[in-house]
C-alpha atoms as a PDB file:
ATOM      1  CA  MET A   1      56.663   2.573  34.056  1.00  0.00           C
ATOM      2  CA  LEU A   2      57.536   5.407  31.669  1.00  0.00           C
ATOM      3  CA  THR A   3      61.195   5.638  30.666  1.00  0.00           C
ATOM      4  CA  LEU A   4      63.070   8.883  30.037  1.00  0.00           C
ATOM      5  CA  ARG A   5      63.127   7.984  26.353  1.00  0.00           C
ATOM      6  CA  SER A   6      59.350   7.488  26.128  1.00  0.00           C
ATOM      7  CA  ILE A   7      58.758  10.706  28.090  1.00  0.00           C
ATOM      8  CA  GLY A   8      61.044  12.500  25.665  1.00  0.00           C
ATOM      9  CA  ILE A   9      59.112  11.174  22.675  1.00  0.00           C
ATOM     10  CA  ALA A  10      55.822  12.317  24.183  1.00  0.00           C
ATOM     11  CA  VAL A  11      57.262  15.777  24.880  1.00  0.00           C
ATOM     12  CA  ALA A  12      58.653  16.003  21.347  1.00  0.00           C
ATOM     13  CA  ILE A  13      55.308  15.128  19.786  1.00  0.00           C
ATOM     14  CA  THR A  14      53.499  17.639  22.009  1.00  0.00           C
ATOM     15  CA  CYS A  15      55.951  20.427  21.253  1.00  0.00           C
ATOM     16  CA  SER A  16      55.818  19.730  17.529  1.00  0.00           C
ATOM     17  CA  LEU A  17      52.031  19.904  17.581  1.00  0.00           C
ATOM     18  CA  LEU A  18      52.175  23.188  19.479  1.00  0.00           C
ATOM     19  CA  PHE A  19      54.933  24.924  17.516  1.00  0.00           C
ATOM     20  CA  GLY A  20      54.693  23.254  14.112  1.00  0.00           C
ATOM     21  CA  MET A  21      56.757  20.837  12.094  1.00  0.00           C
ATOM     22  CA  VAL A  22      58.848  21.144   8.965  1.00  0.00           C
ATOM     23  CA  ASN A  23      57.301  19.388   5.945  1.00  0.00           C
ATOM     24  CA  SER A  24      59.051  20.815   2.892  1.00  0.00           C
ATOM     25  CA  SER A  25      59.583  18.983  -0.391  1.00  0.00           C
ATOM     26  CA  ASP A  26      63.263  18.366   0.429  1.00  0.00           C
ATOM     27  CA  ALA A  27      62.568  17.162   3.981  1.00  0.00           C
ATOM     28  CA  ALA A  28      63.456  13.699   5.208  1.00  0.00           C
ATOM     29  CA  GLU A  29      61.129  10.948   4.072  1.00  0.00           C
ATOM     30  CA  ILE A  30      60.435   7.215   4.109  1.00  0.00           C
ATOM     31  CA  THR A  31      61.950   5.594   1.014  1.00  0.00           C
ATOM     32  CA  SER A  32      60.590   2.040   1.400  1.00  0.00           C
ATOM     33  CA  MET A  33      58.320   0.027   3.653  1.00  0.00           C
ATOM     34  CA  SER A  34      57.545  -3.683   3.461  1.00  0.00           C
ATOM     35  CA  LEU A  35      55.933  -6.297   5.683  1.00  0.00           C
ATOM     36  CA  TYR A  36      56.494  -9.946   6.416  1.00  0.00           C
ATOM     37  CA  ALA A  37      53.608 -11.865   8.007  1.00  0.00           C
ATOM     38  CA  SER A  38      54.113 -15.509   8.961  1.00  0.00           C
ATOM     39  CA  ASP A  39      51.361 -18.028   8.265  1.00  0.00           C
ATOM     40  CA  TYR A  40      50.262 -17.613  11.858  1.00  0.00           C
ATOM     41  CA  GLY A  41      49.996 -13.822  11.919  1.00  0.00           C
ATOM     42  CA  TYR A  42      53.283 -12.704  13.472  1.00  0.00           C
ATOM     43  CA  THR A  43      54.105  -9.532  11.558  1.00  0.00           C
ATOM     44  CA  THR A  44      57.402  -7.687  11.103  1.00  0.00           C
ATOM     45  CA  VAL A  45      57.952  -4.465   9.157  1.00  0.00           C
ATOM     46  CA  LEU A  46      61.079  -3.258   7.373  1.00  0.00           C
ATOM     47  CA  LEU A  47      61.324   0.504   6.878  1.00  0.00           C
ATOM     48  CA  THR A  48      64.061   2.670   5.379  1.00  0.00           C
ATOM     49  CA  ALA A  49      64.430   6.453   5.103  1.00  0.00           C
ATOM     50  CA  ASP A  50      66.887   8.901   3.591  1.00  0.00           C
ATOM     51  CA  GLU A  51      67.847  10.247   7.036  1.00  0.00           C
ATOM     52  CA  ASP A  52      68.141   8.819  10.529  1.00  0.00           C
ATOM     53  CA  ILE A  53      64.760   8.075  12.069  1.00  0.00           C
ATOM     54  CA  ASP A  54      64.165   9.325  15.591  1.00  0.00           C
ATOM     55  CA  PHE A  55      60.958   7.424  16.275  1.00  0.00           C
ATOM     56  CA  VAL A  56      57.940   5.924  14.470  1.00  0.00           C
ATOM     57  CA  GLU A  57      54.259   5.886  15.417  1.00  0.00           C
ATOM     58  CA  TRP A  58      52.668   2.622  14.230  1.00  0.00           C
ATOM     59  CA  SER A  59      48.927   2.126  13.664  1.00  0.00           C
ATOM     60  CA  ILE A  60      46.659  -0.418  11.981  1.00  0.00           C
ATOM     61  CA  ASN A  61      43.414  -0.365  10.024  1.00  0.00           C
ATOM     62  CA  ARG A  62      41.734  -3.705  10.755  1.00  0.00           C
ATOM     63  CA  ASP A  63      39.109  -3.391   8.003  1.00  0.00           C
ATOM     64  CA  PRO A  64      40.563  -1.331   5.132  1.00  0.00           C
ATOM     65  CA  HIS A  65      37.587  -2.053   2.830  1.00  0.00           C
ATOM     66  CA  ASP A  66      35.228  -0.315   5.251  1.00  0.00           C
ATOM     67  CA  PRO A  67      35.229   3.452   4.481  1.00  0.00           C
ATOM     68  CA  ASP A  68      34.308   4.164   8.109  1.00  0.00           C
ATOM     69  CA  SER A  69      37.138   2.090   9.550  1.00  0.00           C
ATOM     70  CA  GLU A  70      39.825   4.157  11.275  1.00  0.00           C
ATOM     71  CA  TYR A  71      43.445   3.530  12.184  1.00  0.00           C
ATOM     72  CA  GLU A  72      44.108   2.221  15.690  1.00  0.00           C
ATOM     73  CA  LYS A  73      47.415   3.145  17.300  1.00  0.00           C
ATOM     74  CA  LEU A  74      49.666   0.204  18.138  1.00  0.00           C
ATOM     75  CA  PHE A  75      52.750   1.767  19.767  1.00  0.00           C
ATOM     76  CA  THR A  76      55.703   4.105  19.197  1.00  0.00           C
ATOM     77  CA  SER A  77      59.221   2.787  18.569  1.00  0.00           C
ATOM     78  CA  SER A  78      62.411   4.795  18.995  1.00  0.00           C
ATOM     79  CA  HIS A  79      65.460   4.565  16.700  1.00  0.00           C
ATOM     80  CA  SER A  80      68.654   6.241  15.532  1.00  0.00           C
ATOM     81  CA  ASP A  81      69.148   4.662  12.123  1.00  0.00           C
ATOM     82  CA  ARG A  82      67.958   4.972   8.522  1.00  0.00           C
ATOM     83  CA  SER A  83      66.952   1.331   8.225  1.00  0.00           C
ATOM     84  CA  ILE A  84      64.845  -0.362  10.906  1.00  0.00           C
ATOM     85  CA  GLU A  85      63.119  -3.678  11.516  1.00  0.00           C
ATOM     86  CA  VAL A  86      60.213  -3.687  13.966  1.00  0.00           C
ATOM     87  CA  TYR A  87      58.032  -6.536  15.216  1.00  0.00           C
ATOM     88  CA  LEU A  88      54.450  -5.260  15.164  1.00  0.00           C
ATOM     89  CA  GLY A  89      52.798  -8.192  16.902  1.00  0.00           C
ATOM     90  CA  PHE A  90      50.253 -10.922  16.194  1.00  0.00           C
ATOM     91  CA  PHE A  91      47.222 -10.305  13.982  1.00  0.00           C
ATOM     92  CA  PRO A  92      44.547 -12.994  13.430  1.00  0.00           C
ATOM     93  CA  GLY A  93      44.433 -14.471   9.945  1.00  0.00           C
ATOM     94  CA  HIS A  94      42.083 -16.462   7.717  1.00  0.00           C
ATOM     95  CA  ILE A  95      42.525 -19.368   5.302  1.00  0.00           C
ATOM     96  CA  LYS A  96      41.878 -16.992   2.340  1.00  0.00           C
ATOM     97  CA  GLY A  97      43.824 -14.142   3.948  1.00  0.00           C
ATOM     98  CA  LYS A  98      42.684 -11.440   6.333  1.00  0.00           C
ATOM     99  CA  LYS A  99      43.566  -7.963   5.054  1.00  0.00           C
ATOM    100  CA  TYR A 100      44.921  -5.131   7.202  1.00  0.00           C
ATOM    101  CA  ARG A 101      46.666  -1.861   6.447  1.00  0.00           C
ATOM    102  CA  ILE A 102      49.658  -0.651   8.455  1.00  0.00           C
ATOM    103  CA  LYS A 103      50.545   3.044   8.799  1.00  0.00           C
ATOM    104  CA  ALA A 104      53.893   4.446   9.869  1.00  0.00           C
ATOM    105  CA  VAL A 105      54.470   8.083  10.846  1.00  0.00           C
ATOM    106  CA  ALA A 106      58.232   8.577  10.958  1.00  0.00           C
ATOM    107  CA  TRP A 107      59.695  11.492  12.931  1.00  0.00           C
ATOM    108  CA  PHE A 108      63.047  13.043  11.968  1.00  0.00           C
ATOM    109  CA  ARG A 109      64.946  15.470  14.195  1.00  0.00           C
ATOM    110  CA  ASN A 110      66.193  18.632  12.472  1.00  0.00           C
ATOM    111  CA  GLU A 111      69.338  20.607  13.313  1.00  0.00           C
ATOM    112  CA  ASP A 112      67.293  23.265  15.108  1.00  0.00           C
ATOM    113  CA  ASN A 113      65.717  20.521  17.272  1.00  0.00           C
ATOM    114  CA  THR A 114      62.354  20.709  15.490  1.00  0.00           C
ATOM    115  CA  PHE A 115      60.875  17.626  13.823  1.00  0.00           C
ATOM    116  CA  THR A 116      59.905  16.575  10.327  1.00  0.00           C
ATOM    117  CA  THR A 117      57.310  13.839   9.837  1.00  0.00           C
ATOM    118  CA  ASN A 118      56.611  11.590   6.882  1.00  0.00           C
ATOM    119  CA  THR A 119      53.827   9.011   6.547  1.00  0.00           C
ATOM    120  CA  ASP A 120      53.521   5.782   4.578  1.00  0.00           C
ATOM    121  CA  THR A 121      51.026   2.903   4.528  1.00  0.00           C
ATOM    122  CA  VAL A 122      51.297  -0.670   3.292  1.00  0.00           C
ATOM    123  CA  PRO A 123      48.790  -3.550   2.987  1.00  0.00           C
ATOM    124  CA  ASN A 124      49.182  -6.645   5.132  1.00  0.00           C
ATOM    125  CA  THR A 125      47.511 -10.002   4.409  1.00  0.00           C
ATOM    126  CA  VAL A 126      47.616 -12.710   7.081  1.00  0.00           C
ATOM    127  CA  TYR A 127      46.837 -16.355   6.317  1.00  0.00           C
ATOM    128  CA  GLN A 128      45.748 -18.859   8.964  1.00  0.00           C
ATOM    129  CA  PRO A 129      46.506 -22.480   7.949  1.00  0.00           C
ATOM    130  CA  ILE A 130      44.209 -25.388   8.762  1.00  0.00           C
ATOM    131  CA  THR A 131      46.044 -28.412  10.159  1.00  0.00           C
ATOM    132  CA  THR A 132      45.399 -31.824  11.681  1.00  0.00           C
ATOM    133  CA  SER A 133      48.294 -33.711  13.254  1.00  0.00           C
ATOM    134  CA  GLY A 134      49.319 -36.298  15.815  1.00  0.00           C
ATOM    135  CA  ILE A 135      49.073 -40.050  16.284  1.00  0.00           C
ATOM    136  CA  LEU A 136      45.470 -41.040  15.662  1.00  0.00           C
ATOM    137  CA  LYS A 137      43.468 -44.050  16.843  1.00  0.00           C
ATOM    138  CA  THR A 138      41.374 -46.257  14.573  1.00  0.00           C
ATOM    139  CA  GLU A 139      38.921 -49.051  15.273  1.00  0.00           C
ATOM    140  CA  GLU A 140      40.113 -52.605  14.755  1.00  0.00           C
ATOM    141  CA  ASP A 141      37.776 -55.014  12.924  1.00  0.00           C
ATOM    142  CA  GLY A 142      35.125 -52.321  12.582  1.00  0.00           C
ATOM    143  CA  GLY A 143      35.161 -51.678  16.301  1.00  0.00           C
ATOM    144  CA  LYS A 144      33.172 -54.787  17.115  1.00  0.00           C
ATOM    145  CA  ASP A 145      35.007 -55.296  20.403  1.00  0.00           C
ATOM    146  CA  GLY A 146      35.150 -51.596  21.188  1.00  0.00           C
ATOM    147  CA  LYS A 147      38.959 -51.610  21.102  1.00  0.00           C
ATOM    148  CA  PHE A 148      41.234 -49.205  19.294  1.00  0.00           C
ATOM    149  CA  ARG A 149      44.650 -49.730  17.742  1.00  0.00           C
ATOM    150  CA  VAL A 150      47.244 -47.251  16.542  1.00  0.00           C
ATOM    151  CA  THR A 151      49.466 -47.560  13.462  1.00  0.00           C
ATOM    152  CA  GLY A 152      52.295 -45.839  15.341  1.00  0.00           C
ATOM    153  CA  ALA A 153      52.687 -43.245  12.601  1.00  0.00           C
ATOM    154  CA  TYR A 154      52.748 -39.525  13.160  1.00  0.00           C
ATOM    155  CA  GLY A 155      50.694 -37.690  10.553  1.00  0.00           C
ATOM    156  CA  TYR A 156      50.208 -34.076   9.487  1.00  0.00           C
ATOM    157  CA  ALA A 157      47.654 -32.774   6.956  1.00  0.00           C
ATOM    158  CA  ALA A 158      47.548 -29.076   6.113  1.00  0.00           C
ATOM    159  CA  ILE A 159      45.894 -26.450   3.959  1.00  0.00           C
ATOM    160  CA  TYR A 160      48.189 -23.429   3.986  1.00  0.00           C
ATOM    161  CA  ARG A 161      45.946 -21.052   2.094  1.00  0.00           C
ATOM    162  CA  GLN A 162      43.135 -20.567  -0.392  1.00  0.00           C
ATOM    163  CA  TYR A 163      43.847 -17.649  -2.666  1.00  0.00           C
ATOM    164  CA  PHE A 164      42.864 -15.499  -5.627  1.00  0.00           C
ATOM    165  CA  ASP A 165      45.789 -13.917  -7.485  1.00  0.00           C
ATOM    166  CA  GLY A 166      43.735 -11.817  -9.891  1.00  0.00           C
ATOM    167  CA  LEU A 167      43.518 -14.578 -12.508  1.00  0.00           C
ATOM    168  CA  VAL A 168      43.025 -17.945 -10.786  1.00  0.00           C
ATOM    169  CA  PHE A 169      41.613 -19.382  -7.587  1.00  0.00           C
ATOM    170  CA  GLY A 170      43.903 -21.897  -5.932  1.00  0.00           C
ATOM    171  CA  MET A 171      44.916 -23.733  -2.797  1.00  0.00           C
ATOM    172  CA  SER A 172      48.162 -24.990  -1.309  1.00  0.00           C
ATOM    173  CA  GLY A 173      48.644 -27.835   1.146  1.00  0.00           C
ATOM    174  CA  SER A 174      50.907 -30.612   2.293  1.00  0.00           C
ATOM    175  CA  ALA A 175      50.847 -34.021   3.934  1.00  0.00           C
ATOM    176  CA  TYR A 176      53.535 -35.696   6.042  1.00  0.00           C
ATOM    177  CA  ALA A 177      53.861 -39.010   7.869  1.00  0.00           C
ATOM    178  CA  SER A 178      56.715 -40.560   9.837  1.00  0.00           C
ATOM    179  CA  ASN A 179      56.982 -44.236  10.777  1.00  0.00           C
ATOM    180  CA  GLY A 180      57.702 -44.834  14.458  1.00  0.00           C
ATOM    181  CA  THR A 181      56.932 -48.548  14.383  1.00  0.00           C
ATOM    182  CA  GLN A 182      59.126 -51.606  13.843  1.00  0.00           C
ATOM    183  CA  HIS A 183      57.398 -52.632  10.616  1.00  0.00           C
ATOM    184  CA  THR A 184      56.742 -51.123   7.202  1.00  0.00           C
ATOM    185  CA  LEU A 185      53.700 -48.880   6.684  1.00  0.00           C
ATOM    186  CA  SER A 186      52.019 -47.549   3.554  1.00  0.00           C
ATOM    187  CA  ALA A 187      51.156 -43.868   3.114  1.00  0.00           C
ATOM    188  CA  VAL A 188      49.121 -42.034   0.487  1.00  0.00           C
ATOM    189  CA  ALA A 189      47.715 -38.500   0.238  1.00  0.00           C
ATOM    190  CA  TRP A 190      45.375 -36.556  -1.981  1.00  0.00           C
ATOM    191  CA  PHE A 191      44.322 -32.929  -2.328  1.00  0.00           C
ATOM    192  CA  ARG A 192      40.891 -31.736  -3.439  1.00  0.00           C
ATOM    193  CA  HIS A 193      39.625 -28.323  -4.550  1.00  0.00           C
ATOM    194  CA  ARG A 194      35.873 -27.893  -5.094  1.00  0.00           C
ATOM    195  CA  GLU A 195      33.726 -25.053  -6.364  1.00  0.00           C
ATOM    196  CA  TYR A 196      30.319 -24.582  -4.736  1.00  0.00           C
ATOM    197  CA  THR A 197      27.180 -22.613  -5.594  1.00  0.00           C
ATOM    198  CA  GLY A 198      27.323 -20.929  -2.156  1.00  0.00           C
ATOM    199  CA  GLU A 199      29.011 -21.135   1.233  1.00  0.00           C
ATOM    200  CA  ASP A 200      26.801 -24.138   2.041  1.00  0.00           C
ATOM    201  CA  GLY A 201      25.571 -24.781  -1.492  1.00  0.00           C
ATOM    202  CA  ALA A 202      25.906 -27.626  -3.965  1.00  0.00           C
ATOM    203  CA  VAL A 203      29.154 -28.831  -5.529  1.00  0.00           C
ATOM    204  CA  LEU A 204      29.704 -27.410  -9.029  1.00  0.00           C
ATOM    205  CA  ASP A 205      33.075 -28.936  -9.861  1.00  0.00           C
ATOM    206  CA  GLU A 206      35.952 -30.865  -8.323  1.00  0.00           C
ATOM    207  CA  LYS A 207      39.677 -31.028  -9.028  1.00  0.00           C
ATOM    208  CA  LEU A 208      41.868 -33.765  -7.522  1.00  0.00           C
ATOM    209  CA  ASP A 209      45.603 -34.078  -7.056  1.00  0.00           C
ATOM    210  CA  ASN A 210      46.132 -37.754  -6.193  1.00  0.00           C
ATOM    211  CA  LYS A 211      49.611 -38.653  -4.997  1.00  0.00           C
ATOM    212  CA  SER A 212      51.235 -42.045  -5.393  1.00  0.00           C
ATOM    213  CA  SER A 213      51.312 -44.308  -2.347  1.00  0.00           C
ATOM    214  CA  LYS A 214      54.646 -45.075  -0.773  1.00  0.00           C
ATOM    215  CA  GLU A 215      55.924 -47.716   1.617  1.00  0.00           C
ATOM    216  CA  ILE A 216      57.683 -46.115   4.577  1.00  0.00           C
ATOM    217  CA  LYS A 217      60.082 -48.305   6.493  1.00  0.00           C
ATOM    218  CA  PRO A 218      60.775 -47.861  10.220  1.00  0.00           C
ATOM    219  CA  GLY A 219      62.375 -44.459  10.825  1.00  0.00           C
ATOM    220  CA  GLN A 220      61.459 -43.156   7.366  1.00  0.00           C
ATOM    221  CA  SER A 221      58.921 -40.517   6.346  1.00  0.00           C
ATOM    222  CA  TYR A 222      56.495 -39.537   3.589  1.00  0.00           C
ATOM    223  CA  ASN A 223      56.180 -35.899   2.505  1.00  0.00           C
ATOM    224  CA  VAL A 224      54.164 -34.432  -0.396  1.00  0.00           C
ATOM    225  CA  LEU A 225      52.988 -30.990  -1.530  1.00  0.00           C
ATOM    226  CA  SER A 226      49.908 -30.105  -3.555  1.00  0.00           C
ATOM    227  CA  ASN A 227      50.374 -29.207  -7.215  1.00  0.00           C
ATOM    228  CA  PRO A 228      48.792 -25.758  -7.750  1.00  0.00           C
ATOM    229  CA  MET A 229      48.516 -26.240 -11.530  1.00  0.00           C
ATOM    230  CA  ILE A 230      46.200 -29.245 -11.089  1.00  0.00           C
ATOM    231  CA  LEU A 231      43.968 -27.567  -8.512  1.00  0.00           C
ATOM    232  CA  GLU A 232      43.506 -24.084 -10.006  1.00  0.00           C
ATOM    233  CA  TYR A 233      40.233 -22.616 -11.263  1.00  0.00           C
ATOM    234  CA  TRP A 234      40.605 -20.032 -14.017  1.00  0.00           C
ATOM    235  CA  HIS A 235      38.865 -16.662 -13.708  1.00  0.00           C
ATOM    236  CA  GLY A 236      40.982 -14.547 -16.027  1.00  0.00           C
ATOM    237  CA  ARG A 237      40.463 -11.100 -14.501  1.00  0.00           C
ATOM    238  CA  PRO A 238      39.918  -9.339 -11.152  1.00  0.00           C
ATOM    239  CA  MET A 239      36.595  -9.932  -9.417  1.00  0.00           C
ATOM    240  CA  ARG A 240      33.906  -7.332 -10.130  1.00  0.00           C
ATOM    241  CA  ARG A 241      31.618  -5.753  -7.546  1.00  0.00           C
ATOM    242  CA  ASN A 242      28.676  -7.989  -6.626  1.00  0.00           C
ATOM    243  CA  GLU A 243      30.511 -10.993  -8.094  1.00  0.00           C
ATOM    244  CA  GLU A 244      30.994 -14.067  -5.877  1.00  0.00           C
ATOM    245  CA  ARG A 245      32.645 -17.474  -6.148  1.00  0.00           C
ATOM    246  CA  PHE A 246      32.862 -20.193  -3.495  1.00  0.00           C
ATOM    247  CA  PHE A 247      35.596 -22.799  -2.935  1.00  0.00           C
ATOM    248  CA  ASN A 248      36.441 -25.640  -0.545  1.00  0.00           C
ATOM    249  CA  ALA A 249      39.929 -27.020   0.030  1.00  0.00           C
ATOM    250  CA  HIS A 250      40.689 -30.465   1.461  1.00  0.00           C
ATOM    251  CA  THR A 251      43.856 -32.407   2.303  1.00  0.00           C
ATOM    252  CA  HIS A 252      43.689 -36.124   3.167  1.00  0.00           C
ATOM    253  CA  LEU A 253      46.502 -38.351   4.441  1.00  0.00           C
ATOM    254  CA  GLN A 254      46.038 -42.083   5.001  1.00  0.00           C
ATOM    255  CA  VAL A 255      48.530 -44.456   6.615  1.00  0.00           C
ATOM    256  CA  SER A 256      47.970 -48.209   6.908  1.00  0.00           C
ATOM    257  CA  SER A 257      49.858 -51.276   8.056  1.00  0.00           C
ATOM    258  CA  THR A 258      51.112 -53.690   5.391  1.00  0.00           C
ATOM    259  CA  ARG A 259      51.002 -56.891   7.397  1.00  0.00           C
ATOM    260  CA  GLY A 260      48.564 -58.678   9.640  1.00  0.00           C
ATOM    261  CA  ALA A 261      45.261 -57.005  10.447  1.00  0.00           C
ATOM    262  CA  ARG A 262      44.936 -53.853   8.328  1.00  0.00           C
ATOM    263  CA  ILE A 263      45.021 -50.792  10.569  1.00  0.00           C
ATOM    264  CA  VAL A 264      44.309 -47.405   9.000  1.00  0.00           C
ATOM    265  CA  ASP A 265      44.759 -43.877  10.289  1.00  0.00           C
ATOM    266  CA  ASP A 266      43.406 -40.806   8.483  1.00  0.00           C
ATOM    267  CA  TRP A 267      44.343 -37.150   8.885  1.00  0.00           C
ATOM    268  CA  GLU A 268      42.133 -34.572   7.179  1.00  0.00           C
ATOM    269  CA  ALA A 269      42.282 -30.793   6.879  1.00  0.00           C
ATOM    270  CA  ASP A 270      39.224 -29.046   5.442  1.00  0.00           C
ATOM    271  CA  THR A 271      37.986 -25.487   4.926  1.00  0.00           C
ATOM    272  CA  GLN A 272      34.995 -26.140   7.164  1.00  0.00           C
ATOM    273  CA  GLN A 273      37.220 -26.745  10.214  1.00  0.00           C
ATOM    274  CA  GLN A 274      37.974 -23.007  10.284  1.00  0.00           C
ATOM    275  CA  THR A 275      35.030 -21.312   8.604  1.00  0.00           C
ATOM    276  CA  GLY A 276      32.113 -23.466   9.750  1.00  0.00           C
ATOM    277  CA  THR A 277      30.825 -23.419   6.163  1.00  0.00           C
ATOM    278  CA  ALA A 278      31.481 -25.859   3.319  1.00  0.00           C
ATOM    279  CA  ALA A 279      33.128 -23.188   1.167  1.00  0.00           C
ATOM    280  CA  VAL A 280      34.912 -19.836   1.409  1.00  0.00           C
ATOM    281  CA  LYS A 281      33.343 -16.858  -0.350  1.00  0.00           C
ATOM    282  CA  PHE A 282      35.536 -14.701  -2.612  1.00  0.00           C
ATOM    283  CA  THR A 283      34.466 -11.215  -3.721  1.00  0.00           C
ATOM    284  CA  HIS A 284      36.051  -8.090  -5.248  1.00  0.00           C
ATOM    285  CA  GLU A 285      37.524  -7.355  -1.812  1.00  0.00           C
ATOM    286  CA  ASP A 286      39.821 -10.362  -2.325  1.00  0.00           C
ATOM    287  CA  ASN A 287      41.451  -8.871  -5.444  1.00  0.00           C
ATOM    288  CA  PRO A 288      45.219  -8.490  -4.916  1.00  0.00           C
ATOM    289  CA  GLU A 289      46.400  -4.958  -4.116  1.00  0.00           C
END
């Protein structure tokens, strides 16, 4: 149902289009605009202006590298302040970052009840992590009797992002395990970054970040982060047109019992779980803005 406020905004926009708007050099304007996108695509914008904002029309370009891509209107928000924070919604991400561009058209009410508008745009990159978690089952004695046993540990393996910062290609990840049993377990994790000849090509090179194993007593946990310095591939400059490089990221967590029959659980996060290909392709479109 339309509210009086939303009807008023629609009428104001219509009247301004019919009778004109003020857009002089000393008119009200947006002074800053920034975005925060969580690793799962929930995006919030912070916008400030030099005068009170009456309302803002928000729109998104879902493929800013495509010259034929147009802005799609999201919604209109109403305000009465110079500084605003607006939740824009959820936008799907990608392990290497999915790029969008957000546009804001801010409307300012003048003393004579006409409106001034000012427009700004800002890039938005959304990452979609790859994770594997839970209490896993493993075969006992090679599965000869068809039975499964569980270590009792909760595990979490993650790749947060694969990235190109204009100089290096990298990855970030983590591994975590907690011991819910009554006996001591052993945990170890490693992170791997590979370069490929193509999305499903051959392996060119491999970098490993092997973490030390740790005994985790009942009620304790194991938590490690990847070391970006160990896993980076140097490029030294922005990507050129028609240039391509391909990378795979992998996180592996292993937890085993330390007494009796050895029971092992493995948690793995890999590029292929999201992309369906062995490696992610990077091009000039992945250069930072």
